[in-house]
C-alpha atoms as a PDB file:
ATOM      1  CA  UNK A   1     225.663 -30.660  91.875  1.00  0.00           C
ATOM      2  CA  UNK A   2     222.066 -29.476  92.473  1.00  0.00           C
ATOM      3  CA  UNK A   3     223.142 -27.248  95.349  1.00  0.00           C
ATOM      4  CA  UNK A   4     225.865 -25.729  93.142  1.00  0.00           C
ATOM      5  CA  UNK A   5     223.383 -25.063  90.334  1.00  0.00           C
ATOM      6  CA  UNK A   6     220.875 -23.548  92.757  1.00  0.00           C
ATOM      7  CA  UNK A   7     223.520 -21.260  94.240  1.00  0.00           C
ATOM      8  CA  UNK A   8     224.494 -20.179  90.729  1.00  0.00           C
ATOM      9  CA  UNK A   9     220.892 -19.374  89.827  1.00  0.00           C
ATOM     10  CA  UNK A  10     220.365 -17.454  93.078  1.00  0.00           C
ATOM     11  CA  UNK A  11     223.521 -15.486  92.428  1.00  0.00           C
ATOM     12  CA  UNK A  12     222.283 -14.493  88.979  1.00  0.00           C
ATOM     13  CA  UNK A  13     218.909 -13.419  90.395  1.00  0.00           C
ATOM     14  CA  UNK A  14     220.597 -11.394  93.120  1.00  0.00           C
ATOM     15  CA  UNK A  15     222.833  -9.773  90.527  1.00  0.00           C
ATOM     16  CA  UNK A  16     219.817  -8.827  88.386  1.00  0.00           C
ATOM     17  CA  UNK A  17     218.010  -7.456  91.445  1.00  0.00           C
ATOM     18  CA  UNK A  18     221.066  -5.437  92.418  1.00  0.00           C
ATOM     19  CA  UNK A  19     221.302  -4.023  88.877  1.00  0.00           C
ATOM     20  CA  UNK A  20     217.612  -3.086  88.915  1.00  0.00           C
ATOM     21  CA  UNK A  21     218.027  -1.497  92.332  1.00  0.00           C
ATOM     22  CA  UNK A  22     221.018   0.463  91.065  1.00  0.00           C
ATOM     23  CA  UNK A  23     219.004   1.696  88.065  1.00  0.00           C
ATOM     24  CA  UNK A  24     216.119   2.772  90.322  1.00  0.00           C
ATOM     25  CA  UNK A  25     218.429   4.533  92.763  1.00  0.00           C
ATOM     26  CA  UNK A  26     220.235   6.226  89.864  1.00  0.00           C
ATOM     27  CA  UNK A  27     216.930   7.405  88.393  1.00  0.00           C
ATOM     28  CA  UNK A  28     215.800   8.815  91.723  1.00  0.00           C
ATOM     29  CA  UNK A  29     219.151  10.547  92.177  1.00  0.00           C
ATOM     30  CA  UNK A  30     218.984  12.001  88.672  1.00  0.00           C
ATOM     31  CA  UNK A  31     215.443  13.234  89.295  1.00  0.00           C
ATOM     32  CA  UNK A  32     216.515  14.882  92.536  1.00  0.00           C
ATOM     33  CA  UNK A  33     219.406  16.574  90.760  1.00  0.00           C
ATOM     34  CA  UNK A  34     217.166  17.859  87.928  1.00  0.00           C
ATOM     35  CA  UNK A  35     214.367  18.867  90.303  1.00  0.00           C
ATOM     36  CA  UNK A  36     216.848  20.660  92.495  1.00  0.00           C
ATOM     37  CA  UNK A  37     218.253  22.509  89.485  1.00  0.00           C
ATOM     38  CA  UNK A  38     214.830  23.739  88.412  1.00  0.00           C
ATOM     39  CA  UNK A  39     213.846  24.580  91.958  1.00  0.00           C
ATOM     40  CA  UNK A  40     216.961  26.728  92.183  1.00  0.00           C
ATOM     41  CA  UNK A  41     215.770  28.476  89.009  1.00  0.00           C
ATOM     42  CA  UNK A  42     212.305  28.919  90.531  1.00  0.00           C
ATOM     43  CA  UNK A  43     210.746  27.068  87.600  1.00  0.00           C
ATOM     44  CA  UNK A  44     207.585  25.194  88.526  1.00  0.00           C
ATOM     45  CA  UNK A  45     205.280  23.001  86.540  1.00  0.00           C
ATOM     46  CA  UNK A  46     202.134  25.123  86.066  1.00  0.00           C
ATOM     47  CA  UNK A  47     199.151  24.301  88.235  1.00  0.00           C
ATOM     48  CA  UNK A  48     196.681  25.828  85.739  1.00  0.00           C
ATOM     49  CA  UNK A  49     196.247  25.188  82.048  1.00  0.00           C
ATOM     50  CA  UNK A  50     198.067  27.722  79.892  1.00  0.00           C
ATOM     51  CA  UNK A  51     197.220  27.889  76.195  1.00  0.00           C
ATOM     52  CA  UNK A  52     199.717  28.921  73.540  1.00  0.00           C
ATOM     53  CA  UNK A  53     199.085  30.487  70.116  1.00  0.00           C
ATOM     54  CA  UNK A  54     201.434  28.833  67.644  1.00  0.00           C
ATOM     55  CA  UNK A  55     200.567  30.991  64.626  1.00  0.00           C
ATOM     56  CA  UNK A  56     198.063  33.447  63.153  1.00  0.00           C
ATOM     57  CA  UNK A  57     197.827  33.252  59.374  1.00  0.00           C
ATOM     58  CA  UNK A  58     196.456  36.173  57.354  1.00  0.00           C
ATOM     59  CA  UNK A  59     196.032  35.371  53.686  1.00  0.00           C
ATOM     60  CA  UNK A  60     196.301  38.524  51.548  1.00  0.00           C
ATOM     61  CA  UNK A  61     194.053  36.883  48.957  1.00  0.00           C
ATOM     62  CA  UNK A  62     191.242  36.429  51.490  1.00  0.00           C
ATOM     63  CA  UNK A  63     190.801  39.289  53.941  1.00  0.00           C
ATOM     64  CA  UNK A  64     187.445  37.961  55.144  1.00  0.00           C
ATOM     65  CA  UNK A  65     188.951  35.240  57.371  1.00  0.00           C
ATOM     66  CA  UNK A  66     192.108  34.336  59.254  1.00  0.00           C
ATOM     67  CA  UNK A  67     193.453  31.122  60.778  1.00  0.00           C
ATOM     68  CA  UNK A  68     194.746  30.766  64.321  1.00  0.00           C
ATOM     69  CA  UNK A  69     196.615  27.685  65.565  1.00  0.00           C
ATOM     70  CA  UNK A  70     196.280  27.034  69.315  1.00  0.00           C
ATOM     71  CA  UNK A  71     198.218  24.510  71.440  1.00  0.00           C
ATOM     72  CA  UNK A  72     197.358  23.041  74.829  1.00  0.00           C
ATOM     73  CA  UNK A  73     200.860  21.960  75.980  1.00  0.00           C
ATOM     74  CA  UNK A  74     201.536  18.407  77.173  1.00  0.00           C
ATOM     75  CA  UNK A  75     202.533  19.712  80.605  1.00  0.00           C
ATOM     76  CA  UNK A  76     199.071  21.240  81.131  1.00  0.00           C
ATOM     77  CA  UNK A  77     197.300  19.629  84.096  1.00  0.00           C
ATOM     78  CA  UNK A  78     193.955  19.327  82.272  1.00  0.00           C
ATOM     79  CA  UNK A  79     192.204  19.794  78.969  1.00  0.00           C
ATOM     80  CA  UNK A  80     191.080  23.339  78.111  1.00  0.00           C
ATOM     81  CA  UNK A  81     187.881  24.720  76.614  1.00  0.00           C
ATOM     82  CA  UNK A  82     188.299  27.701  74.268  1.00  0.00           C
ATOM     83  CA  UNK A  83     185.318  29.984  74.810  1.00  0.00           C
ATOM     84  CA  UNK A  84     186.158  33.165  72.901  1.00  0.00           C
ATOM     85  CA  UNK A  85     188.536  34.703  70.371  1.00  0.00           C
ATOM     86  CA  UNK A  86     189.073  38.480  70.324  1.00  0.00           C
ATOM     87  CA  UNK A  87     190.999  40.905  68.122  1.00  0.00           C
ATOM     88  CA  UNK A  88     192.269  44.279  69.321  1.00  0.00           C
ATOM     89  CA  UNK A  89     193.004  46.762  66.529  1.00  0.00           C
ATOM     90  CA  UNK A  90     195.378  49.726  66.682  1.00  0.00           C
ATOM     91  CA  UNK A  91     192.511  52.067  67.610  1.00  0.00           C
ATOM     92  CA  UNK A  92     192.158  49.943  70.799  1.00  0.00           C
ATOM     93  CA  UNK A  93     188.753  48.623  69.757  1.00  0.00           C
ATOM     94  CA  UNK A  94     187.990  45.053  70.805  1.00  0.00           C
ATOM     95  CA  UNK A  95     186.320  42.858  68.186  1.00  0.00           C
ATOM     96  CA  UNK A  96     184.679  39.595  69.249  1.00  0.00           C
ATOM     97  CA  UNK A  97     184.916  36.886  66.576  1.00  0.00           C
ATOM     98  CA  UNK A  98     181.396  35.511  66.307  1.00  0.00           C
ATOM     99  CA  UNK A  99     181.883  32.836  63.643  1.00  0.00           C
ATOM    100  CA  UNK A 100     184.619  30.266  64.262  1.00  0.00           C
ATOM    101  CA  UNK A 101     185.173  26.838  62.720  1.00  0.00           C
ATOM    102  CA  UNK A 102     185.238  24.498  64.617  1.00  0.00           C
ATOM    103  CA  UNK A 103     182.525  26.203  66.668  1.00  0.00           C
ATOM    104  CA  UNK A 104     183.169  27.578  70.142  1.00  0.00           C
ATOM    105  CA  UNK A 105     183.265  26.488  72.865  1.00  0.00           C
ATOM    106  CA  UNK A 106     185.885  23.981  71.714  1.00  0.00           C
ATOM    107  CA  UNK A 107     187.696  21.454  73.952  1.00  0.00           C
ATOM    108  CA  UNK A 108     191.443  21.160  73.488  1.00  0.00           C
ATOM    109  CA  UNK A 109     193.035  18.080  75.099  1.00  0.00           C
ATOM    110  CA  UNK A 110     196.482  18.033  76.676  1.00  0.00           C
ATOM    111  CA  UNK A 111     199.110  18.064  73.935  1.00  0.00           C
ATOM    112  CA  UNK A 112     196.523  18.852  71.255  1.00  0.00           C
ATOM    113  CA  UNK A 113     197.093  21.495  68.576  1.00  0.00           C
ATOM    114  CA  UNK A 114     194.142  22.835  66.582  1.00  0.00           C
ATOM    115  CA  UNK A 115     193.756  25.397  63.769  1.00  0.00           C
ATOM    116  CA  UNK A 116     190.602  27.499  63.988  1.00  0.00           C
ATOM    117  CA  UNK A 117     189.179  29.458  61.036  1.00  0.00           C
ATOM    118  CA  UNK A 118     187.846  32.847  62.135  1.00  0.00           C
ATOM    119  CA  UNK A 119     185.254  34.651  60.017  1.00  0.00           C
ATOM    120  CA  UNK A 120     186.229  38.334  60.419  1.00  0.00           C
ATOM    121  CA  UNK A 121     187.185  40.878  57.766  1.00  0.00           C
ATOM    122  CA  UNK A 122     190.582  42.292  58.700  1.00  0.00           C
ATOM    123  CA  UNK A 123     190.992  44.123  55.378  1.00  0.00           C
ATOM    124  CA  UNK A 124     189.976  47.484  56.894  1.00  0.00           C
ATOM    125  CA  UNK A 125     193.014  47.147  59.174  1.00  0.00           C
ATOM    126  CA  UNK A 126     195.584  46.214  56.530  1.00  0.00           C
ATOM    127  CA  UNK A 127     198.976  47.646  57.456  1.00  0.00           C
ATOM    128  CA  UNK A 128     198.207  47.541  61.190  1.00  0.00           C
ATOM    129  CA  UNK A 129     199.498  45.295  63.979  1.00  0.00           C
ATOM    130  CA  UNK A 130     196.673  43.244  65.483  1.00  0.00           C
ATOM    131  CA  UNK A 131     196.496  41.526  68.860  1.00  0.00           C
ATOM    132  CA  UNK A 132     194.660  38.193  68.723  1.00  0.00           C
ATOM    133  CA  UNK A 133     193.487  36.850  72.092  1.00  0.00           C
ATOM    134  CA  UNK A 134     192.343  33.299  72.894  1.00  0.00           C
ATOM    135  CA  UNK A 135     190.153  33.006  75.990  1.00  0.00           C
ATOM    136  CA  UNK A 136     189.683  29.642  77.822  1.00  0.00           C
ATOM    137  CA  UNK A 137     186.986  28.826  80.383  1.00  0.00           C
ATOM    138  CA  UNK A 138     189.695  28.326  83.036  1.00  0.00           C
ATOM    139  CA  UNK A 139     193.399  28.969  83.291  1.00  0.00           C
ATOM    140  CA  UNK A 140     195.401  31.412  81.213  1.00  0.00           C
ATOM    141  CA  UNK A 141     194.643  32.509  77.688  1.00  0.00           C
ATOM    142  CA  UNK A 142     197.126  33.639  75.063  1.00  0.00           C
ATOM    143  CA  UNK A 143     197.887  36.854  73.176  1.00  0.00           C
ATOM    144  CA  UNK A 144     199.528  36.869  69.750  1.00  0.00           C
ATOM    145  CA  UNK A 145     200.603  39.981  67.839  1.00  0.00           C
ATOM    146  CA  UNK A 146     200.576  39.833  64.055  1.00  0.00           C
ATOM    147  CA  UNK A 147     201.510  42.537  61.545  1.00  0.00           C
ATOM    148  CA  UNK A 148     199.206  42.722  58.536  1.00  0.00           C
ATOM    149  CA  UNK A 149     200.517  43.488  55.070  1.00  0.00           C
ATOM    150  CA  UNK A 150     199.832  46.898  53.556  1.00  0.00           C
ATOM    151  CA  UNK A 151     197.186  46.053  50.995  1.00  0.00           C
ATOM    152  CA  UNK A 152     194.729  48.633  49.772  1.00  0.00           C
ATOM    153  CA  UNK A 153     193.193  50.637  47.003  1.00  0.00           C
ATOM    154  CA  UNK A 154     192.811  54.397  46.924  1.00  0.00           C
ATOM    155  CA  UNK A 155     189.681  55.997  45.521  1.00  0.00           C
ATOM    156  CA  UNK A 156     191.516  58.950  44.024  1.00  0.00           C
ATOM    157  CA  UNK A 157     188.372  60.787  42.975  1.00  0.00           C
ATOM    158  CA  UNK A 158     184.615  60.447  42.668  1.00  0.00           C
ATOM    159  CA  UNK A 159     183.245  63.102  40.309  1.00  0.00           C
ATOM    160  CA  UNK A 160     179.570  64.042  40.004  1.00  0.00           C
ATOM    161  CA  UNK A 161     179.076  66.626  37.230  1.00  0.00           C
ATOM    162  CA  UNK A 162     176.194  69.097  37.497  1.00  0.00           C
ATOM    163  CA  UNK A 163     175.365  68.925  33.800  1.00  0.00           C
ATOM    164  CA  UNK A 164     175.214  65.110  33.689  1.00  0.00           C
ATOM    165  CA  UNK A 165     173.180  63.461  36.441  1.00  0.00           C
ATOM    166  CA  UNK A 166     172.974  60.105  34.639  1.00  0.00           C
ATOM    167  CA  UNK A 167     176.475  58.948  35.569  1.00  0.00           C
ATOM    168  CA  UNK A 168     179.554  59.649  37.666  1.00  0.00           C
ATOM    169  CA  UNK A 169     183.244  58.808  37.387  1.00  0.00           C
ATOM    170  CA  UNK A 170     185.355  57.088  40.021  1.00  0.00           C
ATOM    171  CA  UNK A 171     189.128  56.692  39.728  1.00  0.00           C
ATOM    172  CA  UNK A 172     190.658  53.803  41.680  1.00  0.00           C
ATOM    173  CA  UNK A 173     194.386  53.323  42.266  1.00  0.00           C
ATOM    174  CA  UNK A 174     196.365  50.382  43.582  1.00  0.00           C
ATOM    175  CA  UNK A 175     199.455  52.094  45.070  1.00  0.00           C
ATOM    176  CA  UNK A 176     202.943  50.854  44.270  1.00  0.00           C
ATOM    177  CA  UNK A 177     203.423  50.187  47.990  1.00  0.00           C
ATOM    178  CA  UNK A 178     200.488  47.760  48.040  1.00  0.00           C
ATOM    179  CA  UNK A 179     201.511  44.156  48.688  1.00  0.00           C
ATOM    180  CA  UNK A 180     199.144  42.582  46.169  1.00  0.00           C
ATOM    181  CA  UNK A 181     197.215  43.023  42.942  1.00  0.00           C
ATOM    182  CA  UNK A 182     193.485  43.441  43.641  1.00  0.00           C
ATOM    183  CA  UNK A 183     190.416  42.568  41.606  1.00  0.00           C
ATOM    184  CA  UNK A 184     187.544  45.089  41.706  1.00  0.00           C
ATOM    185  CA  UNK A 185     184.265  43.156  41.638  1.00  0.00           C
ATOM    186  CA  UNK A 186     181.558  45.618  42.765  1.00  0.00           C
ATOM    187  CA  UNK A 187     180.850  49.356  43.105  1.00  0.00           C
ATOM    188  CA  UNK A 188     177.970  50.718  45.180  1.00  0.00           C
ATOM    189  CA  UNK A 189     176.799  54.113  46.460  1.00  0.00           C
ATOM    190  CA  UNK A 190     175.343  54.834  49.905  1.00  0.00           C
ATOM    191  CA  UNK A 191     173.447  58.132  50.239  1.00  0.00           C
ATOM    192  CA  UNK A 192     173.214  60.120  53.477  1.00  0.00           C
ATOM    193  CA  UNK A 193     169.527  59.205  53.753  1.00  0.00           C
ATOM    194  CA  UNK A 194     170.445  55.516  53.857  1.00  0.00           C
ATOM    195  CA  UNK A 195     169.661  54.675  50.243  1.00  0.00           C
ATOM    196  CA  UNK A 196     171.979  51.938  48.900  1.00  0.00           C
ATOM    197  CA  UNK A 197     172.517  51.634  45.162  1.00  0.00           C
ATOM    198  CA  UNK A 198     174.274  48.734  43.444  1.00  0.00           C
ATOM    199  CA  UNK A 199     175.902  50.152  40.296  1.00  0.00           C
ATOM    200  CA  UNK A 200     175.215  47.578  37.601  1.00  0.00           C
ATOM    201  CA  UNK A 201     176.422  49.450  34.503  1.00  0.00           C
ATOM    202  CA  UNK A 202     180.147  50.129  34.752  1.00  0.00           C
ATOM    203  CA  UNK A 203     182.711  50.857  32.033  1.00  0.00           C
ATOM    204  CA  UNK A 204     185.122  49.150  31.784  1.00  0.00           C
ATOM    205  CA  UNK A 205     183.172  46.079  32.743  1.00  0.00           C
ATOM    206  CA  UNK A 206     184.025  44.615  36.136  1.00  0.00           C
ATOM    207  CA  UNK A 207     185.680  42.529  37.443  1.00  0.00           C
ATOM    208  CA  UNK A 208     188.894  44.421  36.684  1.00  0.00           C
ATOM    209  CA  UNK A 209     192.271  43.498  38.160  1.00  0.00           C
ATOM    210  CA  UNK A 210     194.329  46.478  39.271  1.00  0.00           C
ATOM    211  CA  UNK A 211     198.043  45.713  39.306  1.00  0.00           C
ATOM    212  CA  UNK A 212     200.151  47.440  41.934  1.00  0.00           C
ATOM    213  CA  UNK A 213     201.135  50.922  40.807  1.00  0.00           C
ATOM    214  CA  UNK A 214     198.227  51.277  38.336  1.00  0.00           C
ATOM    215  CA  UNK A 215     194.882  53.086  38.311  1.00  0.00           C
ATOM    216  CA  UNK A 216     191.643  52.923  36.327  1.00  0.00           C
ATOM    217  CA  UNK A 217     188.738  55.356  35.901  1.00  0.00           C
ATOM    218  CA  UNK A 218     185.305  53.716  35.919  1.00  0.00           C
ATOM    219  CA  UNK A 219     182.248  55.384  34.386  1.00  0.00           C
ATOM    220  CA  UNK A 220     179.252  54.393  36.522  1.00  0.00           C
ATOM    221  CA  UNK A 221     175.755  54.778  35.061  1.00  0.00           C
ATOM    222  CA  UNK A 222     173.205  55.897  37.663  1.00  0.00           C
ATOM    223  CA  UNK A 223     170.568  58.651  37.719  1.00  0.00           C
ATOM    224  CA  UNK A 224     171.344  60.755  40.807  1.00  0.00           C
ATOM    225  CA  UNK A 225     169.059  63.679  39.875  1.00  0.00           C
ATOM    226  CA  UNK A 226     166.941  63.208  43.003  1.00  0.00           C
ATOM    227  CA  UNK A 227     170.028  63.140  45.229  1.00  0.00           C
ATOM    228  CA  UNK A 228     171.465  66.576  44.432  1.00  0.00           C
ATOM    229  CA  UNK A 229     173.250  68.304  47.287  1.00  0.00           C
ATOM    230  CA  UNK A 230     173.549  65.121  49.346  1.00  0.00           C
ATOM    231  CA  UNK A 231     176.563  63.228  50.690  1.00  0.00           C
ATOM    232  CA  UNK A 232     177.262  60.145  48.588  1.00  0.00           C
ATOM    233  CA  UNK A 233     179.679  57.441  49.768  1.00  0.00           C
ATOM    234  CA  UNK A 234     181.191  55.437  46.909  1.00  0.00           C
ATOM    235  CA  UNK A 235     182.066  51.888  48.002  1.00  0.00           C
ATOM    236  CA  UNK A 236     184.504  49.662  46.118  1.00  0.00           C
ATOM    237  CA  UNK A 237     184.759  45.914  46.816  1.00  0.00           C
ATOM    238  CA  UNK A 238     187.359  43.352  45.746  1.00  0.00           C
ATOM    239  CA  UNK A 239     187.293  39.597  45.305  1.00  0.00           C
ATOM    240  CA  UNK A 240     189.853  39.309  48.121  1.00  0.00           C
ATOM    241  CA  UNK A 241     187.379  40.797  50.618  1.00  0.00           C
ATOM    242  CA  UNK A 242     188.764  44.335  50.901  1.00  0.00           C
ATOM    243  CA  UNK A 243     186.439  47.355  50.998  1.00  0.00           C
ATOM    244  CA  UNK A 244     187.256  50.986  50.218  1.00  0.00           C
ATOM    245  CA  UNK A 245     185.134  54.111  50.589  1.00  0.00           C
ATOM    246  CA  UNK A 246     185.089  57.781  49.606  1.00  0.00           C
ATOM    247  CA  UNK A 247     182.419  60.380  50.420  1.00  0.00           C
ATOM    248  CA  UNK A 248     181.595  63.305  48.144  1.00  0.00           C
ATOM    249  CA  UNK A 249     178.739  65.826  48.060  1.00  0.00           C
ATOM    250  CA  UNK A 250     176.726  65.748  44.854  1.00  0.00           C
ATOM    251  CA  UNK A 251     176.412  69.219  43.292  1.00  0.00           C
ATOM    252  CA  UNK A 252     173.221  71.218  43.565  1.00  0.00           C
ATOM    253  CA  UNK A 253     171.426  72.505  40.490  1.00  0.00           C
ATOM    254  CA  UNK A 254     173.037  75.921  40.947  1.00  0.00           C
ATOM    255  CA  UNK A 255     176.685  76.364  41.936  1.00  0.00           C
ATOM    256  CA  UNK A 256     177.161  79.685  43.730  1.00  0.00           C
ATOM    257  CA  UNK A 257     180.478  81.260  44.646  1.00  0.00           C
ATOM    258  CA  UNK A 258     181.615  84.613  46.033  1.00  0.00           C
ATOM    259  CA  UNK A 259     184.453  85.452  43.694  1.00  0.00           C
ATOM    260  CA  UNK A 260     185.510  88.766  45.271  1.00  0.00           C
ATOM    261  CA  UNK A 261     184.910  90.979  48.323  1.00  0.00           C
ATOM    262  CA  UNK A 262     185.825  94.634  48.760  1.00  0.00           C
ATOM    263  CA  UNK A 263     186.183  96.354  52.151  1.00  0.00           C
ATOM    264  CA  UNK A 264     187.377  99.953  51.610  1.00  0.00           C
ATOM    265  CA  UNK A 265     188.966 101.483  54.728  1.00  0.00           C
ATOM    266  CA  UNK A 266     187.661 104.918  53.658  1.00  0.00           C
ATOM    267  CA  UNK A 267     184.071 103.662  53.757  1.00  0.00           C
ATOM    268  CA  UNK A 268     183.555 101.684  56.981  1.00  0.00           C
ATOM    269  CA  UNK A 269     179.776 101.568  56.638  1.00  0.00           C
ATOM    270  CA  UNK A 270     179.583  99.434  53.506  1.00  0.00           C
ATOM    271  CA  UNK A 271     181.278  96.687  51.496  1.00  0.00           C
ATOM    272  CA  UNK A 272     180.649  94.845  48.273  1.00  0.00           C
ATOM    273  CA  UNK A 273     180.835  91.202  47.109  1.00  0.00           C
ATOM    274  CA  UNK A 274     180.753  89.621  43.657  1.00  0.00           C
ATOM    275  CA  UNK A 275     178.520  86.540  43.407  1.00  0.00           C
ATOM    276  CA  UNK A 276     178.648  84.103  40.488  1.00  0.00           C
ATOM    277  CA  UNK A 277     176.291  81.371  39.335  1.00  0.00           C
ATOM    278  CA  UNK A 278     178.582  78.837  37.641  1.00  0.00           C
ATOM    279  CA  UNK A 279     178.420  77.998  33.951  1.00  0.00           C
ATOM    280  CA  UNK A 280     178.037  74.387  35.083  1.00  0.00           C
ATOM    281  CA  UNK A 281     174.781  75.187  36.879  1.00  0.00           C
ATOM    282  CA  UNK A 282     171.520  74.031  35.350  1.00  0.00           C
ATOM    283  CA  UNK A 283     169.235  76.417  37.235  1.00  0.00           C
ATOM    284  CA  UNK A 284     168.981  80.098  38.099  1.00  0.00           C
ATOM    285  CA  UNK A 285     169.572  81.177  41.715  1.00  0.00           C
ATOM    286  CA  UNK A 286     167.267  83.578  43.557  1.00  0.00           C
ATOM    287  CA  UNK A 287     169.485  85.538  45.979  1.00  0.00           C
ATOM    288  CA  UNK A 288     167.637  86.487  49.150  1.00  0.00           C
ATOM    289  CA  UNK A 289     170.079  87.102  52.039  1.00  0.00           C
ATOM    290  CA  UNK A 290     173.629  88.170  52.887  1.00  0.00           C
ATOM    291  CA  UNK A 291     174.856  87.074  56.307  1.00  0.00           C
ATOM    292  CA  UNK A 292     178.035  87.672  58.348  1.00  0.00           C
ATOM    293  CA  UNK A 293     179.376  84.987  60.739  1.00  0.00           C
ATOM    294  CA  UNK A 294     181.820  86.287  63.370  1.00  0.00           C
ATOM    295  CA  UNK A 295     184.729  84.540  65.082  1.00  0.00           C
ATOM    296  CA  UNK A 296     182.499  83.656  68.070  1.00  0.00           C
ATOM    297  CA  UNK A 297     179.999  82.099  65.617  1.00  0.00           C
ATOM    298  CA  UNK A 298     177.350  84.753  66.185  1.00  0.00           C
ATOM    299  CA  UNK A 299     175.651  85.980  63.008  1.00  0.00           C
ATOM    300  CA  UNK A 300     174.269  89.202  61.578  1.00  0.00           C
ATOM    301  CA  UNK A 301     172.160  89.720  58.493  1.00  0.00           C
ATOM    302  CA  UNK A 302     173.168  92.775  56.470  1.00  0.00           C
ATOM    303  CA  UNK A 303     171.128  94.976  54.137  1.00  0.00           C
ATOM    304  CA  UNK A 304     171.797  95.035  50.416  1.00  0.00           C
ATOM    305  CA  UNK A 305     171.532  98.476  48.819  1.00  0.00           C
ATOM    306  CA  UNK A 306     171.960  97.476  45.197  1.00  0.00           C
ATOM    307  CA  UNK A 307     170.535  95.544  43.558  1.00  0.00           C
ATOM    308  CA  UNK A 308     167.497  94.979  45.770  1.00  0.00           C
ATOM    309  CA  UNK A 309     166.856  91.445  46.954  1.00  0.00           C
ATOM    310  CA  UNK A 310     165.507  88.999  46.005  1.00  0.00           C
ATOM    311  CA  UNK A 311     167.611  88.961  42.850  1.00  0.00           C
ATOM    312  CA  UNK A 312     167.544  86.294  40.148  1.00  0.00           C
ATOM    313  CA  UNK A 313     171.061  85.293  39.056  1.00  0.00           C
ATOM    314  CA  UNK A 314     171.135  83.510  35.708  1.00  0.00           C
ATOM    315  CA  UNK A 315     173.421  80.637  34.779  1.00  0.00           C
ATOM    316  CA  UNK A 316     176.964  81.867  34.130  1.00  0.00           C
ATOM    317  CA  UNK A 317     176.254  85.419  35.351  1.00  0.00           C
ATOM    318  CA  UNK A 318     177.986  87.459  38.072  1.00  0.00           C
ATOM    319  CA  UNK A 319     176.423  90.247  40.137  1.00  0.00           C
ATOM    320  CA  UNK A 320     178.011  92.736  42.565  1.00  0.00           C
ATOM    321  CA  UNK A 321     176.053  93.267  45.765  1.00  0.00           C
ATOM    322  CA  UNK A 322     176.564  96.584  47.591  1.00  0.00           C
ATOM    323  CA  UNK A 323     175.987  95.832  51.271  1.00  0.00           C
ATOM    324  CA  UNK A 324     175.264  98.335  54.074  1.00  0.00           C
ATOM    325  CA  UNK A 325     177.059  97.362  57.299  1.00  0.00           C
ATOM    326  CA  UNK A 326     179.168  99.295  59.783  1.00  0.00           C
ATOM    327  CA  UNK A 327     182.244  97.165  60.258  1.00  0.00           C
ATOM    328  CA  UNK A 328     184.356  99.774  62.088  1.00  0.00           C
ATOM    329  CA  UNK A 329     184.173  97.808  65.366  1.00  0.00           C
ATOM    330  CA  UNK A 330     185.338  94.608  63.676  1.00  0.00           C
ATOM    331  CA  UNK A 331     188.540  95.741  61.963  1.00  0.00           C
ATOM    332  CA  UNK A 332     191.241  93.042  62.065  1.00  0.00           C
ATOM    333  CA  UNK A 333     188.690  90.300  62.622  1.00  0.00           C
ATOM    334  CA  UNK A 334     188.198  87.362  60.269  1.00  0.00           C
ATOM    335  CA  UNK A 335     184.578  86.925  59.220  1.00  0.00           C
ATOM    336  CA  UNK A 336     182.687  84.528  56.994  1.00  0.00           C
ATOM    337  CA  UNK A 337     180.257  85.910  54.407  1.00  0.00           C
ATOM    338  CA  UNK A 338     177.351  83.831  53.129  1.00  0.00           C
ATOM    339  CA  UNK A 339     174.926  84.496  50.282  1.00  0.00           C
ATOM    340  CA  UNK A 340     171.717  82.492  50.594  1.00  0.00           C
ATOM    341  CA  UNK A 341     168.970  81.681  48.098  1.00  0.00           C
ATOM    342  CA  UNK A 342     165.334  80.654  48.330  1.00  0.00           C
ATOM    343  CA  UNK A 343     166.323  77.255  46.833  1.00  0.00           C
ATOM    344  CA  UNK A 344     168.885  76.550  49.575  1.00  0.00           C
ATOM    345  CA  UNK A 345     172.015  77.232  47.517  1.00  0.00           C
ATOM    346  CA  UNK A 346     174.940  78.883  49.304  1.00  0.00           C
ATOM    347  CA  UNK A 347     177.832  81.089  48.271  1.00  0.00           C
ATOM    348  CA  UNK A 348     180.683  81.540  50.743  1.00  0.00           C
ATOM    349  CA  UNK A 349     183.934  83.372  51.337  1.00  0.00           C
ATOM    350  CA  UNK A 350     186.179  84.234  54.287  1.00  0.00           C
ATOM    351  CA  UNK A 351     187.653  87.704  54.752  1.00  0.00           C
ATOM    352  CA  UNK A 352     189.997  89.365  57.254  1.00  0.00           C
ATOM    353  CA  UNK A 353     188.767  92.938  57.625  1.00  0.00           C
ATOM    354  CA  UNK A 354     191.434  95.607  57.038  1.00  0.00           C
END
């Protein structure tokens, strides 16, 4: 009886061992089949770590940052250390992201996915397609293309009036094609000499939300008397982090213009021009010189027969200057005519000689 029981137990053990052996052999065979299939496809498990960008999230309500989600796949041979994040804009400029949370360098383990917050204002590139690049210390990085939404204001006009140097008007429009309403929170002016002015008195009071397809004119109180005749860049900022700019030249105290020019083909040794000092001027203009600029950018000063220069031109007045100049060798050419003053004001016109 004992021998029979022992034989039965041994038989069961042998059967279990045979089943285990069959499972092992089957697994090896299956592996060889799968490995052979992938080898035939020339697919190999990577030897170096290769990162993958899962997503780049641009929030229209916060253009000052973006989120990037990076994955170190489970099949990577090692962990990876992210050392740098770059953005390439459509003008092919490369922007290094200096502030990232969590801070770089950042170690990403095998199979780990991490979302990084990048402090970089992409609002100036709204409507563009950006290339975001993740750079590891070793192995292959990743490139992800993302299209930004068309979000943006238009500064339709910035008007500085000669007769009122205590304020200026700026009209701001949120186009119908814009993807979001925007809230204007600040207006500043940057002068060509580097002076920055924060406009604190604005009507209507800011912040003001501009709905898509609407515009608003803001009256900005600021004394720009000492900045006449200079380039002024008006800057508009929104709560969402977008910035918009427009550059205008502030008017000088006297606004000169050449309203007419007369070249008579029967008198090739003279011509006349009508010069006006605008009604909007606040100062007289002392005319001193008339100058011709040719197509090759050479210049020639011409004599004025009547009235004699210098000549004081009052506000709102027009004077005709009879100029002595032999233009017979320049017929058919296009020239520029300038009237200059002792104060630095200029009048200008362009004329094709008959």
